[in-house]
Structure formats: C-alpha cells, structure tokens
N, C-alpha and C. Protein backbone atom coordinates (compact mmCIF):
# COMPACT_ATOMS: atom_id res chain seq x y z
N MET A 1 -1.27 10.40 -10.17
CA MET A 1 -0.28 9.43 -10.59
C MET A 1 -0.18 9.45 -12.09
N ARG A 2 0.91 9.95 -12.59
CA ARG A 2 1.00 10.14 -14.02
C ARG A 2 0.93 8.84 -14.79
N PHE A 3 1.57 7.79 -14.28
CA PHE A 3 1.59 6.56 -15.05
C PHE A 3 0.24 5.88 -15.07
N LEU A 4 -0.67 6.27 -14.21
CA LEU A 4 -1.99 5.67 -14.18
C LEU A 4 -2.96 6.38 -15.12
N ARG A 5 -2.52 7.42 -15.81
CA ARG A 5 -3.41 8.15 -16.70
C ARG A 5 -2.76 8.24 -18.07
N GLY A 6 -2.43 7.11 -18.68
CA GLY A 6 -1.97 7.10 -20.05
C GLY A 6 -0.48 7.10 -20.21
N PHE A 7 0.26 6.91 -19.11
CA PHE A 7 1.71 6.73 -19.14
C PHE A 7 2.53 7.88 -19.69
N PRO A 8 2.17 9.15 -19.46
CA PRO A 8 3.17 10.18 -19.72
C PRO A 8 4.12 10.17 -18.53
N LEU A 9 5.04 9.21 -18.51
CA LEU A 9 5.83 8.91 -17.32
C LEU A 9 6.70 10.07 -16.88
N LEU A 10 7.54 9.81 -15.93
CA LEU A 10 8.31 10.85 -15.27
C LEU A 10 9.17 11.65 -16.22
N VAL A 11 9.28 12.95 -15.94
CA VAL A 11 10.18 13.81 -16.69
C VAL A 11 11.53 13.73 -15.99
N PHE A 12 12.52 13.17 -16.65
CA PHE A 12 13.80 12.95 -15.99
C PHE A 12 14.63 14.23 -16.01
N CYS A 13 15.17 14.56 -14.86
CA CYS A 13 15.99 15.75 -14.73
C CYS A 13 17.45 15.36 -14.90
N LEU A 14 18.13 15.94 -15.90
CA LEU A 14 19.48 15.51 -16.23
C LEU A 14 20.52 16.12 -15.31
N ALA A 15 20.22 17.28 -14.75
CA ALA A 15 21.21 17.93 -13.91
C ALA A 15 20.60 18.21 -12.55
N LEU A 16 20.71 17.27 -11.64
CA LEU A 16 20.13 17.41 -10.32
C LEU A 16 21.01 18.27 -9.44
N PRO A 17 20.43 18.90 -8.42
CA PRO A 17 21.24 19.71 -7.52
C PRO A 17 22.29 18.85 -6.82
N ALA A 18 23.34 19.50 -6.35
CA ALA A 18 24.43 18.77 -5.72
C ALA A 18 24.00 18.03 -4.48
N VAL A 19 22.90 18.51 -3.84
CA VAL A 19 22.44 17.87 -2.60
C VAL A 19 21.48 16.74 -2.87
N ALA A 20 21.28 16.36 -4.14
CA ALA A 20 20.27 15.36 -4.46
C ALA A 20 20.51 14.05 -3.74
N SER A 21 21.78 13.72 -3.46
CA SER A 21 22.08 12.46 -2.81
C SER A 21 21.55 12.42 -1.38
N ASP A 22 21.22 13.59 -0.81
CA ASP A 22 20.68 13.64 0.54
C ASP A 22 19.18 13.38 0.56
N HIS A 23 18.55 13.38 -0.58
CA HIS A 23 17.11 13.22 -0.67
C HIS A 23 16.80 11.81 -1.19
N LYS A 24 16.47 10.93 -0.25
CA LYS A 24 16.29 9.53 -0.59
C LYS A 24 14.94 9.02 -0.10
N GLN A 25 14.45 7.99 -0.77
CA GLN A 25 13.24 7.32 -0.31
C GLN A 25 13.46 6.72 1.07
N PRO A 26 12.47 6.80 1.96
CA PRO A 26 12.58 6.11 3.26
C PRO A 26 12.67 4.60 3.03
N PRO A 27 13.23 3.87 3.98
CA PRO A 27 13.29 2.41 3.85
C PRO A 27 11.89 1.83 3.66
N VAL A 28 11.80 0.81 2.82
CA VAL A 28 10.51 0.18 2.53
C VAL A 28 10.21 -0.85 3.61
N GLN A 29 9.04 -0.71 4.20
CA GLN A 29 8.56 -1.65 5.22
C GLN A 29 7.17 -2.14 4.82
N PRO A 30 6.76 -3.32 5.30
CA PRO A 30 5.42 -3.82 4.97
C PRO A 30 4.33 -2.83 5.35
N ALA A 31 3.26 -2.82 4.60
CA ALA A 31 2.16 -1.90 4.88
C ALA A 31 1.60 -2.07 6.28
N THR A 32 1.64 -3.28 6.79
CA THR A 32 1.10 -3.54 8.13
C THR A 32 1.95 -2.93 9.23
N SER A 33 3.11 -2.36 8.89
CA SER A 33 3.94 -1.68 9.88
C SER A 33 3.41 -0.29 10.21
N PHE A 34 2.45 0.20 9.43
CA PHE A 34 1.97 1.57 9.58
C PHE A 34 0.60 1.58 10.26
N ALA A 35 0.34 2.69 10.95
CA ALA A 35 -0.92 2.80 11.70
C ALA A 35 -2.12 2.89 10.78
N ASP A 36 -1.97 3.61 9.68
CA ASP A 36 -3.10 3.86 8.78
C ASP A 36 -3.06 2.84 7.64
N VAL A 37 -3.59 1.66 7.89
CA VAL A 37 -3.49 0.56 6.93
C VAL A 37 -4.84 -0.16 6.82
N GLU A 38 -5.11 -0.64 5.64
CA GLU A 38 -6.28 -1.51 5.43
C GLU A 38 -5.78 -2.82 4.84
N VAL A 39 -6.23 -3.93 5.43
CA VAL A 39 -5.77 -5.25 5.03
C VAL A 39 -6.93 -6.04 4.45
N HIS A 40 -6.74 -6.59 3.25
CA HIS A 40 -7.71 -7.50 2.65
C HIS A 40 -7.09 -8.90 2.66
N GLU A 41 -7.39 -9.64 3.69
CA GLU A 41 -6.73 -10.93 3.89
C GLU A 41 -7.04 -11.92 2.78
N LYS A 42 -8.28 -11.97 2.32
CA LYS A 42 -8.64 -12.93 1.28
C LYS A 42 -7.94 -12.62 -0.04
N GLU A 43 -7.68 -11.35 -0.28
CA GLU A 43 -7.03 -10.95 -1.53
C GLU A 43 -5.51 -10.81 -1.37
N HIS A 44 -5.05 -11.02 -0.13
CA HIS A 44 -3.61 -11.01 0.16
C HIS A 44 -2.96 -9.65 -0.16
N VAL A 45 -3.68 -8.58 0.16
CA VAL A 45 -3.16 -7.24 -0.10
C VAL A 45 -3.36 -6.36 1.13
N ALA A 46 -2.33 -5.59 1.44
CA ALA A 46 -2.44 -4.56 2.48
C ALA A 46 -1.92 -3.25 1.90
N ILE A 47 -2.66 -2.18 2.14
CA ILE A 47 -2.24 -0.86 1.66
C ILE A 47 -2.26 0.12 2.83
N ALA A 48 -1.18 0.87 2.97
CA ALA A 48 -1.07 1.88 4.02
C ALA A 48 -0.86 3.25 3.39
N ALA A 49 -1.28 4.28 4.13
CA ALA A 49 -1.07 5.67 3.72
C ALA A 49 -0.39 6.40 4.86
N GLU A 50 0.71 7.08 4.56
CA GLU A 50 1.47 7.80 5.57
C GLU A 50 1.64 9.25 5.13
N PRO A 51 0.82 10.17 5.64
CA PRO A 51 0.99 11.59 5.28
C PRO A 51 2.30 12.14 5.82
N TYR A 52 2.94 12.97 5.03
CA TYR A 52 4.14 13.69 5.47
C TYR A 52 3.70 15.13 5.75
N ASP A 53 3.09 15.29 6.92
CA ASP A 53 2.39 16.52 7.26
C ASP A 53 3.10 17.37 8.29
N THR A 54 4.37 17.12 8.51
CA THR A 54 5.14 17.94 9.43
C THR A 54 6.42 18.42 8.75
N LYS A 55 6.95 19.49 9.28
CA LYS A 55 8.19 20.06 8.73
C LYS A 55 9.32 19.04 8.78
N GLU A 56 9.39 18.31 9.87
CA GLU A 56 10.46 17.32 10.03
C GLU A 56 10.35 16.20 9.01
N LYS A 57 9.14 15.67 8.81
CA LYS A 57 8.97 14.55 7.89
C LYS A 57 9.22 14.97 6.45
N GLU A 58 8.77 16.16 6.08
CA GLU A 58 8.90 16.57 4.68
C GLU A 58 10.30 17.10 4.34
N SER A 59 11.20 17.05 5.31
CA SER A 59 12.57 17.53 5.05
C SER A 59 13.32 16.63 4.06
N ILE A 60 12.78 15.45 3.76
CA ILE A 60 13.43 14.59 2.77
C ILE A 60 13.29 15.17 1.36
N PHE A 61 12.35 16.08 1.17
CA PHE A 61 12.11 16.66 -0.15
C PHE A 61 12.97 17.91 -0.36
N ARG A 62 13.06 18.34 -1.60
CA ARG A 62 13.79 19.54 -1.95
C ARG A 62 12.94 20.80 -1.81
N ILE A 63 11.62 20.61 -1.76
CA ILE A 63 10.66 21.72 -1.71
C ILE A 63 9.82 21.60 -0.44
N ASP A 64 9.47 22.74 0.14
CA ASP A 64 8.55 22.77 1.28
C ASP A 64 7.12 22.74 0.72
N TYR A 65 6.63 21.55 0.43
CA TYR A 65 5.32 21.41 -0.22
C TYR A 65 4.18 21.89 0.66
N LEU A 66 4.27 21.63 1.96
CA LEU A 66 3.17 21.99 2.85
C LEU A 66 2.90 23.48 2.83
N SER A 67 3.95 24.28 2.73
CA SER A 67 3.77 25.74 2.71
C SER A 67 3.07 26.22 1.45
N HIS A 68 3.03 25.37 0.42
CA HIS A 68 2.38 25.74 -0.83
C HIS A 68 1.06 24.99 -1.03
N GLY A 69 0.54 24.39 0.06
CA GLY A 69 -0.76 23.75 -0.03
C GLY A 69 -0.75 22.38 -0.67
N VAL A 70 0.38 21.71 -0.65
CA VAL A 70 0.49 20.37 -1.24
C VAL A 70 0.81 19.37 -0.14
N MET A 71 0.01 18.31 -0.06
CA MET A 71 0.20 17.28 0.96
C MET A 71 0.86 16.05 0.34
N PRO A 72 2.11 15.75 0.73
CA PRO A 72 2.74 14.50 0.27
C PRO A 72 2.21 13.32 1.09
N ILE A 73 1.79 12.29 0.41
CA ILE A 73 1.29 11.09 1.08
C ILE A 73 2.04 9.88 0.54
N ARG A 74 2.65 9.14 1.43
CA ARG A 74 3.37 7.94 1.03
C ARG A 74 2.40 6.76 0.94
N LEU A 75 2.40 6.09 -0.19
CA LEU A 75 1.57 4.92 -0.43
C LEU A 75 2.43 3.68 -0.31
N ILE A 76 1.99 2.73 0.51
CA ILE A 76 2.73 1.48 0.71
C ILE A 76 1.81 0.32 0.37
N VAL A 77 2.19 -0.48 -0.61
CA VAL A 77 1.36 -1.60 -1.08
C VAL A 77 2.12 -2.90 -0.86
N THR A 78 1.55 -3.81 -0.09
CA THR A 78 2.16 -5.10 0.19
C THR A 78 1.31 -6.22 -0.39
N ASN A 79 1.93 -7.07 -1.17
CA ASN A 79 1.28 -8.24 -1.76
C ASN A 79 1.82 -9.48 -1.07
N THR A 80 0.98 -10.12 -0.25
CA THR A 80 1.41 -11.32 0.47
C THR A 80 1.01 -12.60 -0.26
N GLY A 81 0.40 -12.44 -1.43
CA GLY A 81 -0.04 -13.61 -2.19
C GLY A 81 1.04 -14.17 -3.10
N ASP A 82 0.65 -15.17 -3.90
CA ASP A 82 1.57 -15.86 -4.80
C ASP A 82 1.48 -15.38 -6.24
N LYS A 83 0.62 -14.38 -6.48
CA LYS A 83 0.47 -13.85 -7.83
C LYS A 83 0.61 -12.34 -7.82
N PRO A 84 1.04 -11.74 -8.91
CA PRO A 84 1.21 -10.29 -8.94
C PRO A 84 -0.11 -9.54 -8.90
N ILE A 85 -0.03 -8.27 -8.50
CA ILE A 85 -1.19 -7.37 -8.46
C ILE A 85 -0.87 -6.19 -9.37
N SER A 86 -1.84 -5.79 -10.17
CA SER A 86 -1.63 -4.71 -11.12
C SER A 86 -2.28 -3.41 -10.63
N LEU A 87 -1.50 -2.33 -10.73
CA LEU A 87 -2.02 -0.98 -10.47
C LEU A 87 -2.08 -0.18 -11.76
N ARG A 88 -2.02 -0.86 -12.89
CA ARG A 88 -1.99 -0.19 -14.18
C ARG A 88 -3.22 0.71 -14.38
N ASP A 89 -4.39 0.26 -13.92
CA ASP A 89 -5.62 1.04 -14.08
C ASP A 89 -6.08 1.70 -12.78
N ALA A 90 -5.25 1.66 -11.77
CA ALA A 90 -5.67 2.10 -10.44
C ALA A 90 -6.00 3.59 -10.39
N ARG A 91 -6.96 3.92 -9.56
CA ARG A 91 -7.30 5.31 -9.24
C ARG A 91 -7.04 5.49 -7.75
N ILE A 92 -6.28 6.51 -7.41
CA ILE A 92 -5.91 6.77 -6.02
C ILE A 92 -6.24 8.23 -5.73
N LEU A 93 -7.33 8.45 -5.03
CA LEU A 93 -7.89 9.79 -4.86
C LEU A 93 -7.93 10.20 -3.40
N PHE A 94 -7.66 11.47 -3.17
CA PHE A 94 -7.82 12.07 -1.85
C PHE A 94 -9.27 12.52 -1.74
N GLU A 95 -10.01 11.94 -0.80
CA GLU A 95 -11.43 12.25 -0.65
C GLU A 95 -11.63 13.13 0.57
N THR A 96 -12.20 14.32 0.37
CA THR A 96 -12.43 15.27 1.45
C THR A 96 -13.63 14.84 2.30
N PRO A 97 -13.80 15.41 3.49
CA PRO A 97 -14.97 15.08 4.31
C PRO A 97 -16.29 15.37 3.59
N ALA A 98 -16.28 16.33 2.66
CA ALA A 98 -17.49 16.65 1.90
C ALA A 98 -17.73 15.68 0.75
N GLY A 99 -16.79 14.75 0.52
CA GLY A 99 -16.95 13.79 -0.56
C GLY A 99 -16.32 14.18 -1.87
N ASP A 100 -15.68 15.34 -1.92
CA ASP A 100 -14.96 15.74 -3.13
C ASP A 100 -13.70 14.90 -3.27
N GLN A 101 -13.37 14.55 -4.50
CA GLN A 101 -12.22 13.69 -4.76
C GLN A 101 -11.15 14.46 -5.52
N ILE A 102 -9.93 14.39 -5.03
CA ILE A 102 -8.81 15.13 -5.60
C ILE A 102 -7.82 14.14 -6.19
N GLN A 103 -7.47 14.34 -7.46
CA GLN A 103 -6.47 13.49 -8.09
C GLN A 103 -5.08 13.93 -7.66
N ALA A 104 -4.14 13.00 -7.73
CA ALA A 104 -2.75 13.32 -7.41
C ALA A 104 -2.23 14.39 -8.37
N ALA A 105 -1.43 15.30 -7.84
CA ALA A 105 -0.92 16.42 -8.63
C ALA A 105 0.23 15.98 -9.52
N GLU A 106 0.36 16.67 -10.65
CA GLU A 106 1.51 16.54 -11.54
C GLU A 106 2.53 17.61 -11.13
N PRO A 107 3.78 17.49 -11.57
CA PRO A 107 4.76 18.55 -11.27
C PRO A 107 4.29 19.93 -11.71
N GLU A 108 3.64 20.01 -12.87
CA GLU A 108 3.19 21.31 -13.35
C GLU A 108 2.10 21.90 -12.47
N ASP A 109 1.30 21.03 -11.80
CA ASP A 109 0.29 21.53 -10.87
C ASP A 109 0.95 22.20 -9.67
N VAL A 110 1.99 21.56 -9.16
CA VAL A 110 2.72 22.13 -8.03
C VAL A 110 3.41 23.43 -8.45
N GLU A 111 3.97 23.43 -9.64
CA GLU A 111 4.64 24.64 -10.14
C GLU A 111 3.65 25.81 -10.25
N ARG A 112 2.42 25.53 -10.68
CA ARG A 112 1.42 26.59 -10.79
C ARG A 112 1.08 27.17 -9.43
N LEU A 113 0.97 26.29 -8.41
CA LEU A 113 0.69 26.78 -7.07
C LEU A 113 1.82 27.68 -6.56
N MET A 114 3.05 27.27 -6.81
CA MET A 114 4.18 28.05 -6.35
C MET A 114 4.28 29.37 -7.11
N THR A 115 4.03 29.33 -8.40
CA THR A 115 4.07 30.55 -9.21
C THR A 115 2.99 31.53 -8.75
N LYS A 116 1.82 31.00 -8.43
CA LYS A 116 0.73 31.85 -7.94
C LYS A 116 1.12 32.51 -6.63
N ALA A 117 1.75 31.75 -5.75
CA ALA A 117 2.15 32.30 -4.46
C ALA A 117 3.19 33.39 -4.63
N GLU A 118 4.15 33.14 -5.52
CA GLU A 118 5.19 34.14 -5.76
C GLU A 118 4.60 35.41 -6.37
N ARG A 119 3.65 35.25 -7.29
CA ARG A 119 3.04 36.39 -7.96
C ARG A 119 2.23 37.23 -6.98
N MET A 120 1.60 36.56 -6.00
CA MET A 120 0.81 37.27 -5.00
C MET A 120 1.69 37.86 -3.91
N GLY A 121 2.94 37.45 -3.87
CA GLY A 121 3.86 37.98 -2.87
C GLY A 121 3.71 37.37 -1.51
N THR A 122 2.97 36.27 -1.43
CA THR A 122 2.79 35.58 -0.15
C THR A 122 2.43 34.15 -0.44
N LYS A 123 2.37 33.35 0.56
CA LYS A 123 2.01 31.96 0.35
C LYS A 123 0.49 31.81 0.31
N ILE A 124 0.01 30.73 -0.27
CA ILE A 124 -1.41 30.43 -0.28
C ILE A 124 -1.85 30.14 1.15
N PRO A 125 -2.97 30.69 1.61
CA PRO A 125 -3.38 30.46 3.00
C PRO A 125 -3.52 28.97 3.28
N MET A 126 -2.89 28.52 4.36
CA MET A 126 -2.91 27.12 4.73
C MET A 126 -2.91 27.00 6.24
N PRO A 127 -3.41 25.89 6.77
CA PRO A 127 -3.43 25.72 8.22
C PRO A 127 -2.07 25.38 8.80
N PHE A 128 -1.09 25.07 7.97
CA PHE A 128 0.21 24.66 8.48
C PHE A 128 0.97 25.88 9.01
N PRO A 129 1.58 25.76 10.18
CA PRO A 129 2.28 26.90 10.78
C PRO A 129 3.69 27.05 10.25
N PHE A 130 3.84 27.08 8.92
CA PHE A 130 5.15 27.19 8.34
C PHE A 130 5.24 28.52 7.58
N PRO A 131 6.41 29.14 7.60
CA PRO A 131 6.58 30.41 6.88
C PRO A 131 6.63 30.17 5.38
N PRO A 132 6.30 31.19 4.58
CA PRO A 132 6.38 31.03 3.13
C PRO A 132 7.83 30.92 2.70
N ILE A 133 8.06 30.26 1.56
CA ILE A 133 9.39 30.21 0.99
C ILE A 133 9.36 30.94 -0.33
N HIS A 134 10.46 31.54 -0.69
CA HIS A 134 10.54 32.31 -1.93
C HIS A 134 11.73 31.79 -2.71
N THR A 135 11.46 31.03 -3.75
CA THR A 135 12.49 30.41 -4.56
C THR A 135 12.31 30.85 -6.00
N LYS A 136 13.39 31.05 -6.71
CA LYS A 136 13.30 31.40 -8.11
C LYS A 136 12.55 30.30 -8.86
N ALA A 137 11.67 30.71 -9.77
CA ALA A 137 10.79 29.75 -10.43
C ALA A 137 11.55 28.63 -11.12
N LYS A 138 12.60 28.97 -11.86
CA LYS A 138 13.30 27.93 -12.62
C LYS A 138 13.96 26.92 -11.70
N ASP A 139 14.49 27.39 -10.54
CA ASP A 139 15.08 26.48 -9.57
C ASP A 139 14.01 25.63 -8.92
N SER A 140 12.86 26.23 -8.61
CA SER A 140 11.76 25.49 -8.02
C SER A 140 11.30 24.39 -8.96
N ASN A 141 11.13 24.73 -10.24
CA ASN A 141 10.67 23.74 -11.21
C ASN A 141 11.61 22.55 -11.29
N LYS A 142 12.91 22.83 -11.30
CA LYS A 142 13.90 21.76 -11.38
C LYS A 142 13.83 20.87 -10.14
N ASN A 143 13.66 21.50 -8.98
CA ASN A 143 13.59 20.73 -7.74
C ASN A 143 12.32 19.90 -7.66
N ILE A 144 11.21 20.45 -8.14
CA ILE A 144 9.96 19.69 -8.16
C ILE A 144 10.10 18.46 -9.05
N GLU A 145 10.64 18.65 -10.25
CA GLU A 145 10.82 17.52 -11.15
C GLU A 145 11.75 16.48 -10.55
N ALA A 146 12.80 16.93 -9.88
CA ALA A 146 13.73 16.01 -9.24
C ALA A 146 13.04 15.22 -8.13
N ASP A 147 12.20 15.90 -7.34
CA ASP A 147 11.46 15.21 -6.28
C ASP A 147 10.52 14.17 -6.85
N PHE A 148 9.80 14.52 -7.90
CA PHE A 148 8.89 13.55 -8.51
C PHE A 148 9.66 12.36 -9.07
N ASP A 149 10.82 12.62 -9.69
CA ASP A 149 11.63 11.53 -10.21
C ASP A 149 12.07 10.58 -9.10
N THR A 150 12.41 11.16 -7.94
CA THR A 150 12.94 10.38 -6.84
C THR A 150 11.86 9.68 -6.04
N PHE A 151 10.76 10.38 -5.79
CA PHE A 151 9.82 9.93 -4.77
C PHE A 151 8.48 9.42 -5.28
N GLU A 152 8.04 9.80 -6.46
CA GLU A 152 6.68 9.46 -6.89
C GLU A 152 6.49 7.95 -6.98
N TYR A 153 5.32 7.49 -6.56
CA TYR A 153 5.00 6.06 -6.65
C TYR A 153 4.99 5.65 -8.12
N GLN A 154 5.74 4.59 -8.47
CA GLN A 154 5.93 4.24 -9.86
C GLN A 154 5.55 2.81 -10.21
N ALA A 155 5.33 1.95 -9.23
CA ALA A 155 5.17 0.52 -9.51
C ALA A 155 3.82 0.22 -10.16
N LEU A 156 3.84 -0.23 -11.41
CA LEU A 156 2.62 -0.68 -12.07
C LEU A 156 2.20 -2.06 -11.59
N VAL A 157 3.17 -2.84 -11.13
CA VAL A 157 2.91 -4.20 -10.65
C VAL A 157 3.59 -4.38 -9.31
N VAL A 158 2.87 -5.03 -8.39
CA VAL A 158 3.46 -5.43 -7.11
C VAL A 158 3.60 -6.95 -7.15
N GLU A 159 4.82 -7.41 -7.18
CA GLU A 159 5.10 -8.82 -7.33
C GLU A 159 4.71 -9.60 -6.08
N PRO A 160 4.58 -10.92 -6.19
CA PRO A 160 4.23 -11.74 -5.01
C PRO A 160 5.22 -11.53 -3.86
N HIS A 161 4.70 -11.47 -2.67
CA HIS A 161 5.51 -11.36 -1.45
C HIS A 161 6.47 -10.17 -1.52
N THR A 162 5.93 -9.05 -1.99
CA THR A 162 6.73 -7.84 -2.19
C THR A 162 5.97 -6.62 -1.70
N THR A 163 6.71 -5.62 -1.26
CA THR A 163 6.14 -4.32 -0.89
C THR A 163 6.73 -3.25 -1.80
N ARG A 164 5.86 -2.41 -2.35
CA ARG A 164 6.28 -1.27 -3.16
C ARG A 164 5.76 0.00 -2.49
N ALA A 165 6.57 1.05 -2.52
CA ALA A 165 6.18 2.29 -1.85
C ALA A 165 6.64 3.50 -2.66
N GLY A 166 5.94 4.59 -2.47
CA GLY A 166 6.29 5.85 -3.13
C GLY A 166 5.28 6.90 -2.73
N PHE A 167 5.51 8.12 -3.21
CA PHE A 167 4.69 9.25 -2.78
C PHE A 167 3.73 9.72 -3.87
N LEU A 168 2.58 10.20 -3.41
CA LEU A 168 1.64 10.95 -4.23
C LEU A 168 1.49 12.33 -3.59
N PHE A 169 1.28 13.34 -4.42
CA PHE A 169 1.22 14.72 -3.94
C PHE A 169 -0.16 15.29 -4.28
N TYR A 170 -0.87 15.78 -3.26
CA TYR A 170 -2.24 16.26 -3.47
C TYR A 170 -2.36 17.75 -3.15
N ASP A 171 -3.04 18.46 -4.02
CA ASP A 171 -3.30 19.88 -3.85
C ASP A 171 -4.46 20.04 -2.86
N VAL A 172 -4.13 20.42 -1.63
CA VAL A 172 -5.16 20.63 -0.60
C VAL A 172 -5.23 22.11 -0.23
N SER A 173 -4.77 22.97 -1.13
CA SER A 173 -4.69 24.41 -0.83
C SER A 173 -6.04 25.06 -0.61
N GLN A 174 -7.11 24.43 -1.11
CA GLN A 174 -8.44 25.02 -0.95
C GLN A 174 -9.19 24.48 0.26
N LEU A 175 -8.55 23.59 1.00
CA LEU A 175 -9.21 23.00 2.17
C LEU A 175 -8.87 23.80 3.42
N SER A 176 -9.85 23.95 4.28
CA SER A 176 -9.63 24.72 5.51
C SER A 176 -9.27 23.79 6.66
N ASN A 177 -8.76 24.40 7.73
CA ASN A 177 -8.38 23.66 8.93
C ASN A 177 -7.37 22.57 8.58
N ASN A 178 -7.45 21.44 9.26
CA ASN A 178 -6.55 20.33 8.97
C ASN A 178 -7.10 19.54 7.79
N PRO A 179 -6.44 19.52 6.65
CA PRO A 179 -7.00 18.84 5.47
C PRO A 179 -7.11 17.33 5.64
N LEU A 180 -6.43 16.76 6.63
CA LEU A 180 -6.49 15.32 6.84
C LEU A 180 -7.70 14.90 7.68
N LYS A 181 -8.19 15.81 8.52
CA LYS A 181 -9.27 15.46 9.43
C LYS A 181 -10.54 15.11 8.66
N GLY A 182 -11.02 13.89 8.85
CA GLY A 182 -12.23 13.45 8.17
C GLY A 182 -12.03 13.04 6.73
N ALA A 183 -10.80 13.15 6.22
CA ALA A 183 -10.52 12.80 4.82
C ALA A 183 -10.10 11.32 4.71
N LYS A 184 -10.08 10.83 3.47
CA LYS A 184 -9.74 9.44 3.22
C LYS A 184 -8.90 9.33 1.95
N LEU A 185 -8.15 8.26 1.85
CA LEU A 185 -7.51 7.90 0.59
C LEU A 185 -8.34 6.77 0.00
N HIS A 186 -8.89 7.02 -1.18
CA HIS A 186 -9.79 6.07 -1.84
C HIS A 186 -9.04 5.43 -3.00
N ILE A 187 -8.92 4.10 -2.96
CA ILE A 187 -8.12 3.36 -3.95
C ILE A 187 -8.98 2.28 -4.58
N PHE A 188 -9.08 2.32 -5.90
CA PHE A 188 -9.87 1.29 -6.57
C PHE A 188 -9.30 0.99 -7.95
N LYS A 189 -9.84 -0.03 -8.57
CA LYS A 189 -9.40 -0.54 -9.87
C LYS A 189 -8.02 -1.20 -9.81
N LEU A 190 -7.68 -1.78 -8.66
CA LEU A 190 -6.55 -2.69 -8.60
C LEU A 190 -7.01 -4.03 -9.15
N ARG A 191 -6.13 -4.76 -9.80
CA ARG A 191 -6.52 -6.03 -10.41
C ARG A 191 -5.54 -7.14 -10.05
N ASP A 192 -6.09 -8.37 -10.00
CA ASP A 192 -5.23 -9.52 -9.76
C ASP A 192 -4.61 -10.00 -11.06
N ALA A 193 -3.87 -11.11 -11.00
CA ALA A 193 -3.16 -11.61 -12.17
C ALA A 193 -4.09 -12.04 -13.29
N ASP A 194 -5.34 -12.32 -12.96
CA ASP A 194 -6.32 -12.73 -13.96
C ASP A 194 -7.14 -11.56 -14.50
N GLY A 195 -6.83 -10.36 -14.05
CA GLY A 195 -7.54 -9.18 -14.53
C GLY A 195 -8.79 -8.85 -13.74
N ASN A 196 -9.07 -9.58 -12.67
CA ASN A 196 -10.25 -9.33 -11.86
C ASN A 196 -10.01 -8.14 -10.92
N GLU A 197 -10.98 -7.26 -10.83
CA GLU A 197 -10.83 -6.09 -9.98
C GLU A 197 -10.94 -6.46 -8.52
N LEU A 198 -10.02 -5.99 -7.71
CA LEU A 198 -10.05 -6.24 -6.28
C LEU A 198 -11.04 -5.30 -5.60
N PHE A 199 -11.44 -5.68 -4.39
CA PHE A 199 -12.33 -4.83 -3.62
C PHE A 199 -11.61 -3.52 -3.30
N TYR A 200 -12.33 -2.40 -3.33
CA TYR A 200 -11.69 -1.10 -3.17
C TYR A 200 -11.16 -0.91 -1.74
N PHE A 201 -10.18 -0.02 -1.63
CA PHE A 201 -9.60 0.34 -0.33
C PHE A 201 -10.04 1.76 0.02
N GLU A 202 -10.39 1.94 1.27
CA GLU A 202 -10.78 3.25 1.78
C GLU A 202 -10.05 3.46 3.10
N ILE A 203 -9.04 4.31 3.09
CA ILE A 203 -8.16 4.47 4.24
C ILE A 203 -8.40 5.82 4.88
N PRO A 204 -9.05 5.86 6.05
CA PRO A 204 -9.34 7.15 6.70
C PRO A 204 -8.10 7.71 7.38
N PHE A 205 -7.83 8.99 7.13
CA PHE A 205 -6.66 9.61 7.73
C PHE A 205 -6.84 9.87 9.22
N ASP A 206 -8.06 9.76 9.74
CA ASP A 206 -8.28 9.92 11.17
C ASP A 206 -7.50 8.87 11.96
N LYS A 207 -7.32 7.69 11.37
CA LYS A 207 -6.52 6.66 12.04
C LYS A 207 -5.08 7.14 12.22
N TYR A 208 -4.55 7.77 11.20
CA TYR A 208 -3.20 8.32 11.29
C TYR A 208 -3.14 9.43 12.33
N LEU A 209 -4.12 10.33 12.33
CA LEU A 209 -4.13 11.45 13.27
C LEU A 209 -4.26 10.95 14.71
N GLN A 210 -5.06 9.92 14.92
CA GLN A 210 -5.20 9.35 16.26
C GLN A 210 -3.90 8.74 16.73
N SER A 211 -3.22 8.03 15.82
CA SER A 211 -1.94 7.42 16.16
C SER A 211 -0.89 8.50 16.46
N LYS A 212 -0.91 9.54 15.66
CA LYS A 212 0.03 10.66 15.85
C LYS A 212 -0.22 11.34 17.19
N SER A 213 -1.50 11.52 17.53
CA SER A 213 -1.86 12.16 18.79
C SER A 213 -1.43 11.33 19.99
N SER A 214 -1.62 10.01 19.89
CA SER A 214 -1.26 9.13 21.00
C SER A 214 0.25 9.10 21.22
N GLN A 215 1.03 9.24 20.14
CA GLN A 215 2.48 9.25 20.24
C GLN A 215 2.99 10.51 20.90
N MET A 216 2.21 11.58 20.84
CA MET A 216 2.64 12.87 21.39
C MET A 216 2.33 12.96 22.89
N LYS A 217 1.53 12.03 23.42
CA LYS A 217 1.15 12.10 24.82
C LYS A 217 2.28 11.56 25.70
C-alpha cells in the first residue's frame, strides 16, 4: 500500500485506454457480507478479504495479474462505531504458511514481473491454469498504472458507520501450489480516533477457500 509507506501516492495516468470505463470497482458492501471476515465487536470494526483468484473475477482489471504471479486481494473495512478509524500507519501483509510476510506490490513491482516474463519468453511458473499473455511493455505499464489508480485501496480514514474497499496486489510468484492455502492476511497498526492501536486482524484464506469449495458443490 503506497500511501501507508510515506505517501508517495498514486501515479495518475492522464491518457487511459478507451475501455477504461468498463473497468470499475465492484459495489461496496459491508465486510460482514463476505465469507472471509474477522469482526471485532468491542472495537466496532469488521475487515474482510476477498481474493480475486479466478479468470472470471479478475476480468475487471486491464491486466491478467494471476498469469504473472500477482494475487489481487480486495480489502473491505467496515466501521460500525461512532468515531473514525485511521489506517494511516496500517501494515497489511500477506503471510505465507511458512510465516513469511509479503508487502503489497507497487506498480513497478508488477512491471518488473511482467518484463521478466517477456524477457524469458514465457510466463513465470504459477499454479494457475491460465495461458501466458504477451503485451508490449509500454502498454502494460500504462494499464498497470491505470488499474492501480482505479482499484488500489486508498482510504486513510474509515468514517463512522462507513465501509471502504479497494484492492491490494501481492507478488506470490515464488509460492508453490495454491498460494492461498494456509496463508493469511495480517493487518495491524490500525488506530482509533484517540490514536490507540486496535487489536490486530488475522484473516485466514482457508475460510475463503472453504466457502468457494462449498459453493461449487
């Protein structure tokens, strides 16, 4: 999350592709509407994580991130209290089953992965059954920046009785098998209106996978 590490905020793309109007944020719903959610009732906060781990779900983006080893994860934060919650200092990390923690990727991180794949003449090995894509670097860069401008989670503050949502993108290209299995989204350093740190959130992706599996039966 770029704004959480010193505010080098979004790089705005002045000339978006003509199809940009087709790429929109999904409707915002309360965090409790999602299967993979953790609720802190005393602190009046609920946070959900929704991986976009299928070809169909990731079609809202301009780039096929999964084929390049990048996992888009939608973060949904609901504040049911009467005071705002700050994410100004928040850390939101993808934690692997081995305990390794991965920070959210910047556009340039995604661009490096794509450039590496193009240079090697194939896609980075991944468990996803998707074919590689071959896009000119300059067009890919523009589309990545446009996606981050449109979709990246941006809310530094979640106002009372409000839900804020957006995407974080994680480089899981070095993980084998299903990168979500046994992994977690670890969220800490959220603060209340008085500056007090809230209890950390630990959202296991196995809950999402179980829900996804039950829906397929």
